[in-house]
PDB file of N, CA and C in Angstrom:
ATOM      1  N   MET A   1     126.824 133.829  36.853  1.00  0.00           N
ATOM      2  CA  MET A   1     126.116 133.481  38.067  1.00  0.00           C
ATOM      3  C   MET A   1     125.265 132.224  37.853  1.00  0.00           C
ATOM      4  N   ILE A   2     124.647 132.101  36.696  1.00  0.00           N
ATOM      5  CA  ILE A   2     123.789 130.949  36.416  1.00  0.00           C
ATOM      6  C   ILE A   2     124.622 129.674  36.334  1.00  0.00           C
ATOM      7  N   VAL A   3     125.792 129.774  35.735  1.00  0.00           N
ATOM      8  CA  VAL A   3     126.660 128.598  35.594  1.00  0.00           C
ATOM      9  C   VAL A   3     127.140 128.135  36.969  1.00  0.00           C
ATOM     10  N   SER A   4     127.560 129.049  37.820  1.00  0.00           N
ATOM     11  CA  SER A   4     128.049 128.653  39.147  1.00  0.00           C
ATOM     12  C   SER A   4     126.917 128.086  39.999  1.00  0.00           C
ATOM     13  N   THR A   5     125.724 128.637  39.867  1.00  0.00           N
ATOM     14  CA  THR A   5     124.575 128.104  40.606  1.00  0.00           C
ATOM     15  C   THR A   5     124.237 126.700  40.121  1.00  0.00           C
ATOM     16  N   ALA A   6     124.269 126.489  38.826  1.00  0.00           N
ATOM     17  CA  ALA A   6     123.986 125.161  38.276  1.00  0.00           C
ATOM     18  C   ALA A   6     125.039 124.160  38.731  1.00  0.00           C
ATOM     19  N   PHE A   7     126.299 124.565  38.743  1.00  0.00           N
ATOM     20  CA  PHE A   7     127.368 123.674  39.188  1.00  0.00           C
ATOM     21  C   PHE A   7     127.219 123.343  40.664  1.00  0.00           C
ATOM     22  N   PHE A   8     126.872 124.337  41.466  1.00  0.00           N
ATOM     23  CA  PHE A   8     126.630 124.116  42.890  1.00  0.00           C
ATOM     24  C   PHE A   8     125.492 123.127  43.098  1.00  0.00           C
ATOM     25  N   LEU A   9     124.400 123.315  42.388  1.00  0.00           N
ATOM     26  CA  LEU A   9     123.254 122.417  42.527  1.00  0.00           C
ATOM     27  C   LEU A   9     123.597 120.998  42.072  1.00  0.00           C
ATOM     28  N   LEU A  10     124.394 120.879  41.038  1.00  0.00           N
ATOM     29  CA  LEU A  10     124.819 119.567  40.568  1.00  0.00           C
ATOM     30  C   LEU A  10     125.671 118.855  41.622  1.00  0.00           C
ATOM     31  N   CYS A  11     126.611 119.556  42.219  1.00  0.00           N
ATOM     32  CA  CYS A  11     127.446 118.960  43.262  1.00  0.00           C
ATOM     33  C   CYS A  11     126.622 118.611  44.502  1.00  0.00           C
ATOM     34  N   ALA A  12     125.712 119.492  44.896  1.00  0.00           N
ATOM     35  CA  ALA A  12     124.866 119.214  46.050  1.00  0.00           C
ATOM     36  C   ALA A  12     123.970 118.004  45.789  1.00  0.00           C
ATOM     37  N   ALA A  13     123.419 117.906  44.589  1.00  0.00           N
ATOM     38  CA  ALA A  13     122.570 116.762  44.240  1.00  0.00           C
ATOM     39  C   ALA A  13     123.384 115.468  44.246  1.00  0.00           C
ATOM     40  N   ALA A  14     124.610 115.512  43.774  1.00  0.00           N
ATOM     41  CA  ALA A  14     125.465 114.326  43.782  1.00  0.00           C
ATOM     42  C   ALA A  14     125.749 113.879  45.210  1.00  0.00           C
ATOM     43  N   LEU A  15     126.004 114.827  46.105  1.00  0.00           N
ATOM     44  CA  LEU A  15     126.246 114.473  47.503  1.00  0.00           C
ATOM     45  C   LEU A  15     125.010 113.849  48.139  1.00  0.00           C
ATOM     46  N   VAL A  16     123.844 114.406  47.847  1.00  0.00           N
ATOM     47  CA  VAL A  16     122.602 113.846  48.385  1.00  0.00           C
ATOM     48  C   VAL A  16     122.372 112.444  47.843  1.00  0.00           C
ATOM     49  N   LEU A  17     122.596 112.248  46.566  1.00  0.00           N
ATOM     50  CA  LEU A  17     122.397 110.938  45.952  1.00  0.00           C
ATOM     51  C   LEU A  17     123.339 109.885  46.548  1.00  0.00           C
ATOM     52  N   VAL A  18     124.595 110.229  46.697  1.00  0.00           N
ATOM     53  CA  VAL A  18     125.558 109.280  47.263  1.00  0.00           C
ATOM     54  C   VAL A  18     125.206 108.976  48.713  1.00  0.00           C
ATOM     55  N   SER A  19     124.815 109.988  49.478  1.00  0.00           N
ATOM     56  CA  SER A  19     124.403 109.774  50.869  1.00  0.00           C
ATOM     57  C   SER A  19     123.200 108.853  50.941  1.00  0.00           C
ATOM     58  N   TRP A  20     122.254 109.061  50.075  1.00  0.00           N
ATOM     59  CA  TRP A  20     121.045 108.233  50.057  1.00  0.00           C
ATOM     60  C   TRP A  20     121.386 106.781  49.721  1.00  0.00           C
ATOM     61  N   ARG A  21     122.269 106.578  48.743  1.00  0.00           N
ATOM     62  CA  ARG A  21     122.658 105.216  48.362  1.00  0.00           C
ATOM     63  C   ARG A  21     123.360 104.494  49.508  1.00  0.00           C
ATOM     64  N   ILE A  22     124.209 105.188  50.246  1.00  0.00           N
ATOM     65  CA  ILE A  22     124.884 104.572  51.382  1.00  0.00           C
ATOM     66  C   ILE A  22     123.866 104.247  52.476  1.00  0.00           C
ATOM     67  N   ARG A  23     122.946 105.168  52.706  1.00  0.00           N
ATOM     68  CA  ARG A  23     121.941 104.966  53.760  1.00  0.00           C
ATOM     69  C   ARG A  23     121.041 103.782  53.428  1.00  0.00           C
ATOM     70  N   VAL A  24     120.697 103.592  52.167  1.00  0.00           N
ATOM     71  CA  VAL A  24     119.850 102.467  51.763  1.00  0.00           C
ATOM     72  C   VAL A  24     120.597 101.149  51.942  1.00  0.00           C
ATOM     73  N   SER A  25     121.879 101.130  51.613  1.00  0.00           N
ATOM     74  CA  SER A  25     122.647  99.889  51.715  1.00  0.00           C
ATOM     75  C   SER A  25     122.901  99.482  53.164  1.00  0.00           C
ATOM     76  N   ASP A  26     122.990 100.438  54.072  1.00  0.00           N
ATOM     77  CA  ASP A  26     123.206 100.135  55.490  1.00  0.00           C
ATOM     78  C   ASP A  26     122.345 101.074  56.334  1.00  0.00           C
ATOM     79  N   PRO A  27     121.084 100.706  56.587  1.00  0.00           N
ATOM     80  CA  PRO A  27     120.172 101.603  57.301  1.00  0.00           C
ATOM     81  C   PRO A  27     120.559 101.845  58.757  1.00  0.00           C
ATOM     82  N   GLU A  28     121.432 101.025  59.316  1.00  0.00           N
ATOM     83  CA  GLU A  28     121.814 101.188  60.716  1.00  0.00           C
ATOM     84  C   GLU A  28     123.079 102.035  60.892  1.00  0.00           C
ATOM     85  N   ALA A  29     123.597 102.575  59.813  1.00  0.00           N
ATOM     86  CA  ALA A  29     124.826 103.369  59.885  1.00  0.00           C
ATOM     87  C   ALA A  29     124.559 104.687  60.609  1.00  0.00           C
ATOM     88  N   THR A  30     125.521 105.085  61.426  1.00  0.00           N
ATOM     89  CA  THR A  30     125.414 106.364  62.119  1.00  0.00           C
ATOM     90  C   THR A  30     125.822 107.485  61.161  1.00  0.00           C
ATOM     91  N   VAL A  31     125.588 108.702  61.577  1.00  0.00           N
ATOM     92  CA  VAL A  31     125.946 109.855  60.745  1.00  0.00           C
ATOM     93  C   VAL A  31     127.462 109.896  60.531  1.00  0.00           C
ATOM     94  N   THR A  32     128.210 109.585  61.559  1.00  0.00           N
ATOM     95  CA  THR A  32     129.663 109.566  61.436  1.00  0.00           C
ATOM     96  C   THR A  32     130.120 108.525  60.426  1.00  0.00           C
ATOM     97  N   GLU A  33     129.522 107.343  60.465  1.00  0.00           N
ATOM     98  CA  GLU A  33     129.867 106.304  59.492  1.00  0.00           C
ATOM     99  C   GLU A  33     129.500 106.732  58.076  1.00  0.00           C
ATOM    100  N   LEU A  34     128.372 107.422  57.924  1.00  0.00           N
ATOM    101  CA  LEU A  34     127.983 107.911  56.603  1.00  0.00           C
ATOM    102  C   LEU A  34     129.025 108.884  56.064  1.00  0.00           C
ATOM    103  N   PHE A  35     129.468 109.832  56.892  1.00  0.00           N
ATOM    104  CA  PHE A  35     130.476 110.792  56.444  1.00  0.00           C
ATOM    105  C   PHE A  35     131.798 110.099  56.132  1.00  0.00           C
ATOM    106  N   ASP A  36     132.180 109.117  56.945  1.00  0.00           N
ATOM    107  CA  ASP A  36     133.413 108.379  56.667  1.00  0.00           C
ATOM    108  C   ASP A  36     133.334 107.676  55.317  1.00  0.00           C
ATOM    109  N   ARG A  37     132.218 107.048  55.039  1.00  0.00           N
ATOM    110  CA  ARG A  37     132.056 106.345  53.756  1.00  0.00           C
ATOM    111  C   ARG A  37     131.971 107.323  52.594  1.00  0.00           C
ATOM    112  N   LEU A  38     131.306 108.449  52.816  1.00  0.00           N
ATOM    113  CA  LEU A  38     131.214 109.462  51.759  1.00  0.00           C
ATOM    114  C   LEU A  38     132.597 109.971  51.374  1.00  0.00           C
ATOM    115  N   LEU A  39     133.390 110.290  52.369  1.00  0.00           N
ATOM    116  CA  LEU A  39     134.673 110.930  52.107  1.00  0.00           C
ATOM    117  C   LEU A  39     135.766 109.952  51.695  1.00  0.00           C
ATOM    118  N   ASP A  40     135.448 108.666  51.592  1.00  0.00           N
ATOM    119  CA  ASP A  40     136.405 107.702  51.056  1.00  0.00           C
ATOM    120  C   ASP A  40     136.638 107.910  49.563  1.00  0.00           C
ATOM    121  N   ASP A  41     135.647 108.445  48.876  1.00  0.00           N
ATOM    122  CA  ASP A  41     135.720 108.638  47.426  1.00  0.00           C
ATOM    123  C   ASP A  41     136.305 110.014  47.107  1.00  0.00           C
ATOM    124  N   ARG A  42     137.286 110.043  46.231  1.00  0.00           N
ATOM    125  CA  ARG A  42     137.950 111.305  45.885  1.00  0.00           C
ATOM    126  C   ARG A  42     136.997 112.295  45.210  1.00  0.00           C
ATOM    127  N   ALA A  43     136.111 111.791  44.361  1.00  0.00           N
ATOM    128  CA  ALA A  43     135.163 112.667  43.665  1.00  0.00           C
ATOM    129  C   ALA A  43     134.219 113.340  44.656  1.00  0.00           C
ATOM    130  N   VAL A  44     133.816 112.619  45.679  1.00  0.00           N
ATOM    131  CA  VAL A  44     132.934 113.194  46.694  1.00  0.00           C
ATOM    132  C   VAL A  44     133.674 114.259  47.497  1.00  0.00           C
ATOM    133  N   ARG A  45     134.922 113.978  47.837  1.00  0.00           N
ATOM    134  CA  ARG A  45     135.711 114.989  48.558  1.00  0.00           C
ATOM    135  C   ARG A  45     135.839 116.260  47.733  1.00  0.00           C
ATOM    136  N   LEU A  46     136.060 116.114  46.439  1.00  0.00           N
ATOM    137  CA  LEU A  46     136.154 117.279  45.561  1.00  0.00           C
ATOM    138  C   LEU A  46     134.822 118.019  45.502  1.00  0.00           C
ATOM    139  N   ALA A  47     133.714 117.290  45.429  1.00  0.00           N
ATOM    140  CA  ALA A  47     132.392 117.923  45.404  1.00  0.00           C
ATOM    141  C   ALA A  47     132.129 118.684  46.704  1.00  0.00           C
ATOM    142  N   VAL A  48     132.534 118.123  47.828  1.00  0.00           N
ATOM    143  CA  VAL A  48     132.352 118.812  49.114  1.00  0.00           C
ATOM    144  C   VAL A  48     133.155 120.114  49.126  1.00  0.00           C
ATOM    145  N   ILE A  49     134.375 120.073  48.641  1.00  0.00           N
ATOM    146  CA  ILE A  49     135.207 121.278  48.593  1.00  0.00           C
ATOM    147  C   ILE A  49     134.570 122.331  47.696  1.00  0.00           C
ATOM    148  N   VAL A  50     134.053 121.921  46.547  1.00  0.00           N
ATOM    149  CA  VAL A  50     133.424 122.869  45.617  1.00  0.00           C
ATOM    150  C   VAL A  50     132.169 123.480  46.237  1.00  0.00           C
ATOM    151  N   VAL A  51     131.363 122.672  46.897  1.00  0.00           N
ATOM    152  CA  VAL A  51     130.135 123.187  47.521  1.00  0.00           C
ATOM    153  C   VAL A  51     130.490 124.206  48.607  1.00  0.00           C
ATOM    154  N   TRP A  52     131.450 123.879  49.472  1.00  0.00           N
ATOM    155  CA  TRP A  52     131.841 124.820  50.511  1.00  0.00           C
ATOM    156  C   TRP A  52     132.460 126.090  49.921  1.00  0.00           C
ATOM    157  N   TRP A  53     133.278 125.919  48.865  1.00  0.00           N
ATOM    158  CA  TRP A  53     133.866 127.096  48.223  1.00  0.00           C
ATOM    159  C   TRP A  53     132.768 128.001  47.674  1.00  0.00           C
ATOM    160  N   TRP A  54     131.781 127.416  46.992  1.00  0.00           N
ATOM    161  CA  TRP A  54     130.704 128.198  46.401  1.00  0.00           C
ATOM    162  C   TRP A  54     129.920 128.934  47.479  1.00  0.00           C
ATOM    163  N   LEU A  55     129.570 128.240  48.543  1.00  0.00           N
ATOM    164  CA  LEU A  55     128.832 128.887  49.630  1.00  0.00           C
ATOM    165  C   LEU A  55     129.643 130.024  50.239  1.00  0.00           C
ATOM    166  N   GLY A  56     130.916 129.778  50.505  1.00  0.00           N
ATOM    167  CA  GLY A  56     131.763 130.810  51.089  1.00  0.00           C
ATOM    168  C   GLY A  56     131.946 132.001  50.170  1.00  0.00           C
ATOM    169  N   TRP A  57     132.159 131.755  48.901  1.00  0.00           N
ATOM    170  CA  TRP A  57     132.384 132.840  47.960  1.00  0.00           C
ATOM    171  C   TRP A  57     131.134 133.697  47.777  1.00  0.00           C
ATOM    172  N   HIS A  58     129.987 133.068  47.669  1.00  0.00           N
ATOM    173  CA  HIS A  58     128.770 133.814  47.374  1.00  0.00           C
ATOM    174  C   HIS A  58     128.095 134.409  48.596  1.00  0.00           C
ATOM    175  N   PHE A  59     128.311 133.838  49.757  1.00  0.00           N
ATOM    176  CA  PHE A  59     127.603 134.341  50.931  1.00  0.00           C
ATOM    177  C   PHE A  59     128.513 134.989  51.961  1.00  0.00           C
ATOM    178  N   LEU A  60     129.787 134.636  51.992  1.00  0.00           N
ATOM    179  CA  LEU A  60     130.691 135.218  52.986  1.00  0.00           C
ATOM    180  C   LEU A  60     131.597 136.286  52.372  1.00  0.00           C
ATOM    181  N   ALA A  61     132.257 135.985  51.272  1.00  0.00           N
ATOM    182  CA  ALA A  61     133.189 136.926  50.667  1.00  0.00           C
ATOM    183  C   ALA A  61     132.515 137.865  49.682  1.00  0.00           C
ATOM    184  N   GLY A  62     131.362 137.506  49.171  1.00  0.00           N
ATOM    185  CA  GLY A  62     130.697 138.301  48.140  1.00  0.00           C
ATOM    186  C   GLY A  62     130.367 139.723  48.563  1.00  0.00           C
ATOM    187  N   GLN A  63     129.988 139.908  49.807  1.00  0.00           N
ATOM    188  CA  GLN A  63     129.600 141.224  50.281  1.00  0.00           C
ATOM    189  C   GLN A  63     130.804 142.107  50.628  1.00  0.00           C
ATOM    190  N   THR A  64     131.954 141.480  50.877  1.00  0.00           N
ATOM    191  CA  THR A  64     133.112 142.259  51.306  1.00  0.00           C
ATOM    192  C   THR A  64     134.039 142.654  50.182  1.00  0.00           C
ATOM    193  N   LEU A  65     133.929 142.010  49.024  1.00  0.00           N
ATOM    194  CA  LEU A  65     134.845 142.315  47.915  1.00  0.00           C
ATOM    195  C   LEU A  65     134.338 143.424  47.058  1.00  0.00           C
TER     196      LEU A  65
END
C-alpha cells in the first residue's frame, strides 16, 4: 500500500509540475490548450493513466473485490 501511494503521489506531482511549467511559459493559455499540450508527451499520458488507474482501483474497485 505504501509503495502504490508513493507512486501515485510521484505521478500526481509530475503532472502538477508539468502543468505549472506550461502555464508559466504561456500565461494566456486556456485549460483546453493546457491539456492538449500536456497530453502531447507520452510520459505524461502514461502518468495520467496510472493516476486514474490508482484512483479507480483504490476507491472504486477496492470495496467491491
